[in-house]
Amino acid sequence: MTTLVILTVVDIVLLVAGLAFYLYWVGSLLARIAGNLEECAVSVRAIVGHARLIGPGVEHINATGGVVAGALPLLYGMAEGIVTGVTPAAEPAAEPEPARPASGRRRSRLLDTVGFTPPR
């Protein structure tokens, strides 16, 4: 009976020690997470402060960007006109070259499968 009581007390002591170690480990992890979150909160407050300063100017920047975007087609047309007027035109060929596909001459492999070779 005494052995059973001693083993029970040892078992309970080991269980309490294991739980204490687990709680200490979880507490240290939570403390580290809390420190990281505090640093993040400071960074977020700094970002919000910077955004408050920049915010009013963003509407002006967007309006200016809209004006520039609206003028781009006109500017593009003017630039094309300038380039066309300055670039010398190539002399047309005396006899036009026949149209050819960009990939070259196509060859069908269908005839190769039946063993027929067309004359060249």
C-alpha atoms as a PDB file:
ATOM      1  CA  MET A   1       0.000   0.000   0.000  1.00  0.00           C
ATOM      2  CA  THR A   2       2.818   2.392   0.795  1.00  0.00           C
ATOM      3  CA  THR A   3       4.409   1.830  -2.622  1.00  0.00           C
ATOM      4  CA  LEU A   4       1.139   2.632  -4.352  1.00  0.00           C
ATOM      5  CA  VAL A   5       0.754   5.875  -2.377  1.00  0.00           C
ATOM      6  CA  ILE A   6       4.362   6.908  -3.105  1.00  0.00           C
ATOM      7  CA  LEU A   7       3.972   6.189  -6.837  1.00  0.00           C
ATOM      8  CA  THR A   8       0.721   8.160  -6.910  1.00  0.00           C
ATOM      9  CA  VAL A   9       2.341  11.159  -5.218  1.00  0.00           C
ATOM     10  CA  VAL A  10       5.326  10.965  -7.629  1.00  0.00           C
ATOM     11  CA  ASP A  11       2.911  10.748 -10.582  1.00  0.00           C
ATOM     12  CA  ILE A  12       0.976  13.797  -9.370  1.00  0.00           C
ATOM     13  CA  VAL A  13       4.224  15.748  -8.791  1.00  0.00           C
ATOM     14  CA  LEU A  14       5.420  14.895 -12.335  1.00  0.00           C
ATOM     15  CA  LEU A  15       2.053  15.911 -13.771  1.00  0.00           C
ATOM     16  CA  VAL A  16       2.122  19.259 -11.945  1.00  0.00           C
ATOM     17  CA  ALA A  17       5.775  19.833 -12.994  1.00  0.00           C
ATOM     18  CA  GLY A  18       4.891  19.064 -16.641  1.00  0.00           C
ATOM     19  CA  LEU A  19       1.933  21.432 -16.544  1.00  0.00           C
ATOM     20  CA  ALA A  20       4.066  24.142 -14.908  1.00  0.00           C
ATOM     21  CA  PHE A  21       6.731  23.786 -17.617  1.00  0.00           C
ATOM     22  CA  TYR A  22       4.059  23.906 -20.347  1.00  0.00           C
ATOM     23  CA  LEU A  23       2.473  27.036 -18.863  1.00  0.00           C
ATOM     24  CA  TYR A  24       5.895  28.703 -18.540  1.00  0.00           C
ATOM     25  CA  TRP A  25       6.656  27.885 -22.201  1.00  0.00           C
ATOM     26  CA  VAL A  26       3.262  29.175 -23.428  1.00  0.00           C
ATOM     27  CA  GLY A  27       3.675  32.317 -21.297  1.00  0.00           C
ATOM     28  CA  SER A  28       7.079  33.067 -22.813  1.00  0.00           C
ATOM     29  CA  LEU A  29       5.661  32.614 -26.350  1.00  0.00           C
ATOM     30  CA  LEU A  30       2.749  34.919 -25.580  1.00  0.00           C
ATOM     31  CA  ALA A  31       5.099  37.533 -24.102  1.00  0.00           C
ATOM     32  CA  ARG A  32       7.193  37.458 -27.282  1.00  0.00           C
ATOM     33  CA  ILE A  33       4.067  37.783 -29.430  1.00  0.00           C
ATOM     34  CA  ALA A  34       2.859  40.701 -27.307  1.00  0.00           C
ATOM     35  CA  GLY A  35       6.201  42.478 -27.794  1.00  0.00           C
ATOM     36  CA  ASN A  36       5.996  41.992 -31.572  1.00  0.00           C
ATOM     37  CA  LEU A  37       2.421  43.271 -31.650  1.00  0.00           C
ATOM     38  CA  GLU A  38       3.437  46.344 -29.665  1.00  0.00           C
ATOM     39  CA  GLU A  39       6.183  47.111 -32.200  1.00  0.00           C
ATOM     40  CA  CYS A  40       3.665  46.637 -35.031  1.00  0.00           C
ATOM     41  CA  ALA A  41       1.222  49.004 -33.338  1.00  0.00           C
ATOM     42  CA  VAL A  42       3.919  51.687 -33.140  1.00  0.00           C
ATOM     43  CA  SER A  43       4.690  51.213 -36.858  1.00  0.00           C
ATOM     44  CA  VAL A  44       1.010  51.395 -37.783  1.00  0.00           C
ATOM     45  CA  ARG A  45       0.584  54.626 -35.793  1.00  0.00           C
ATOM     46  CA  ALA A  46       3.560  56.123 -37.666  1.00  0.00           C
ATOM     47  CA  ILE A  47       2.076  55.069 -41.023  1.00  0.00           C
ATOM     48  CA  VAL A  48      -1.305  56.565 -40.127  1.00  0.00           C
ATOM     49  CA  GLY A  49       0.407  59.828 -39.159  1.00  0.00           C
ATOM     50  CA  HIS A  50       2.222  59.949 -42.510  1.00  0.00           C
ATOM     51  CA  ALA A  51      -0.994  59.127 -44.393  1.00  0.00           C
ATOM     52  CA  ARG A  52      -2.798  62.021 -42.689  1.00  0.00           C
ATOM     53  CA  LEU A  53      -0.148  64.400 -44.024  1.00  0.00           C
ATOM     54  CA  ILE A  54      -0.219  62.969 -47.558  1.00  0.00           C
ATOM     55  CA  GLY A  55      -3.998  62.479 -47.839  1.00  0.00           C
ATOM     56  CA  PRO A  56      -5.054  65.988 -48.938  1.00  0.00           C
ATOM     57  CA  GLY A  57      -2.447  66.052 -51.733  1.00  0.00           C
ATOM     58  CA  VAL A  58      -3.613  62.745 -53.234  1.00  0.00           C
ATOM     59  CA  GLU A  59      -6.778  64.317 -54.682  1.00  0.00           C
ATOM     60  CA  HIS A  60      -4.675  66.987 -56.406  1.00  0.00           C
ATOM     61  CA  ILE A  61      -2.282  64.312 -57.744  1.00  0.00           C
ATOM     62  CA  ASN A  62      -5.201  62.261 -59.093  1.00  0.00           C
ATOM     63  CA  ALA A  63      -6.727  65.312 -60.783  1.00  0.00           C
ATOM     64  CA  THR A  64      -3.407  66.190 -62.429  1.00  0.00           C
ATOM     65  CA  GLY A  65      -2.998  62.571 -63.546  1.00  0.00           C
ATOM     66  CA  GLY A  66      -6.470  62.687 -65.113  1.00  0.00           C
ATOM     67  CA  VAL A  67      -5.565  65.811 -67.096  1.00  0.00           C
ATOM     68  CA  VAL A  68      -2.344  64.210 -68.334  1.00  0.00           C
ATOM     69  CA  ALA A  69      -4.139  60.967 -69.238  1.00  0.00           C
ATOM     70  CA  GLY A  70      -6.727  62.961 -71.190  1.00  0.00           C
ATOM     71  CA  ALA A  71      -4.016  64.751 -73.161  1.00  0.00           C
ATOM     72  CA  LEU A  72      -2.090  61.585 -74.093  1.00  0.00           C
ATOM     73  CA  PRO A  73      -4.048  60.772 -77.307  1.00  0.00           C
ATOM     74  CA  LEU A  74      -3.497  64.318 -78.582  1.00  0.00           C
ATOM     75  CA  LEU A  75       0.197  64.186 -77.708  1.00  0.00           C
ATOM     76  CA  TYR A  76       0.512  60.779 -79.348  1.00  0.00           C
ATOM     77  CA  GLY A  77      -1.081  62.079 -82.564  1.00  0.00           C
ATOM     78  CA  MET A  78       1.199  65.117 -82.612  1.00  0.00           C
ATOM     79  CA  ALA A  79       4.278  62.912 -82.078  1.00  0.00           C
ATOM     80  CA  GLU A  80       3.233  60.630 -84.950  1.00  0.00           C
ATOM     81  CA  GLY A  81       2.819  63.655 -87.198  1.00  0.00           C
ATOM     82  CA  ILE A  82       6.277  64.897 -86.313  1.00  0.00           C
ATOM     83  CA  VAL A  83       7.883  61.499 -86.902  1.00  0.00           C
ATOM     84  CA  THR A  84       6.082  61.001 -90.236  1.00  0.00           C
ATOM     85  CA  GLY A  85       7.161  64.408 -91.480  1.00  0.00           C
ATOM     86  CA  VAL A  86      10.803  63.856 -90.556  1.00  0.00           C
ATOM     87  CA  THR A  87      11.314  60.193 -91.489  1.00  0.00           C
ATOM     88  CA  PRO A  88      12.260  59.704 -95.140  1.00  0.00           C
ATOM     89  CA  ALA A  89       9.944  57.373 -97.034  1.00  0.00           C
ATOM     90  CA  ALA A  90      11.470  54.276 -98.622  1.00  0.00           C
ATOM     91  CA  GLU A  91      11.444  54.187-102.403  1.00  0.00           C
ATOM     92  CA  PRO A  92       8.789  51.828-103.738  1.00  0.00           C
ATOM     93  CA  ALA A  93      10.073  48.717-105.496  1.00  0.00           C
ATOM     94  CA  ALA A  94       9.874  48.618-109.298  1.00  0.00           C
ATOM     95  CA  GLU A  95       8.061  45.300-109.276  1.00  0.00           C
ATOM     96  CA  PRO A  96       6.138  44.333-106.132  1.00  0.00           C
ATOM     97  CA  GLU A  97       7.231  41.151-104.422  1.00  0.00           C
ATOM     98  CA  PRO A  98       4.632  38.373-104.241  1.00  0.00           C
ATOM     99  CA  ALA A  99       2.925  37.887-100.881  1.00  0.00           C
ATOM    100  CA  ARG A 100       4.388  35.032 -98.842  1.00  0.00           C
ATOM    101  CA  PRO A 101       3.319  33.716 -95.462  1.00  0.00           C
ATOM    102  CA  ALA A 102       5.520  34.844 -92.593  1.00  0.00           C
ATOM    103  CA  SER A 103       6.254  31.251 -91.596  1.00  0.00           C
ATOM    104  CA  GLY A 104       7.638  30.317 -95.022  1.00  0.00           C
ATOM    105  CA  ARG A 105       6.421  27.537 -97.300  1.00  0.00           C
ATOM    106  CA  ARG A 106       4.190  25.040 -95.558  1.00  0.00           C
ATOM    107  CA  ARG A 107       4.649  21.357 -96.161  1.00  0.00           C
ATOM    108  CA  SER A 108       1.934  18.858 -95.509  1.00  0.00           C
ATOM    109  CA  ARG A 109       2.965  15.634 -93.815  1.00  0.00           C
ATOM    110  CA  LEU A 110      -0.266  13.965 -94.771  1.00  0.00           C
ATOM    111  CA  LEU A 111       1.210  12.684 -98.022  1.00  0.00           C
ATOM    112  CA  ASP A 112       4.290  11.352 -96.216  1.00  0.00           C
ATOM    113  CA  THR A 113       2.108   9.004 -94.171  1.00  0.00           C
ATOM    114  CA  VAL A 114       0.872   7.176 -97.255  1.00  0.00           C
ATOM    115  CA  GLY A 115       4.302   7.084 -98.905  1.00  0.00           C
ATOM    116  CA  PHE A 116       3.626   9.600-101.673  1.00  0.00           C
ATOM    117  CA  THR A 117       6.258  12.187-102.599  1.00  0.00           C
ATOM    118  CA  PRO A 118       5.017  14.962-104.915  1.00  0.00           C
ATOM    119  CA  PRO A 119       7.257  15.994-107.800  1.00  0.00           C
ATOM    120  CA  ARG A 120       9.301  19.124-107.218  1.00  0.00           C
END
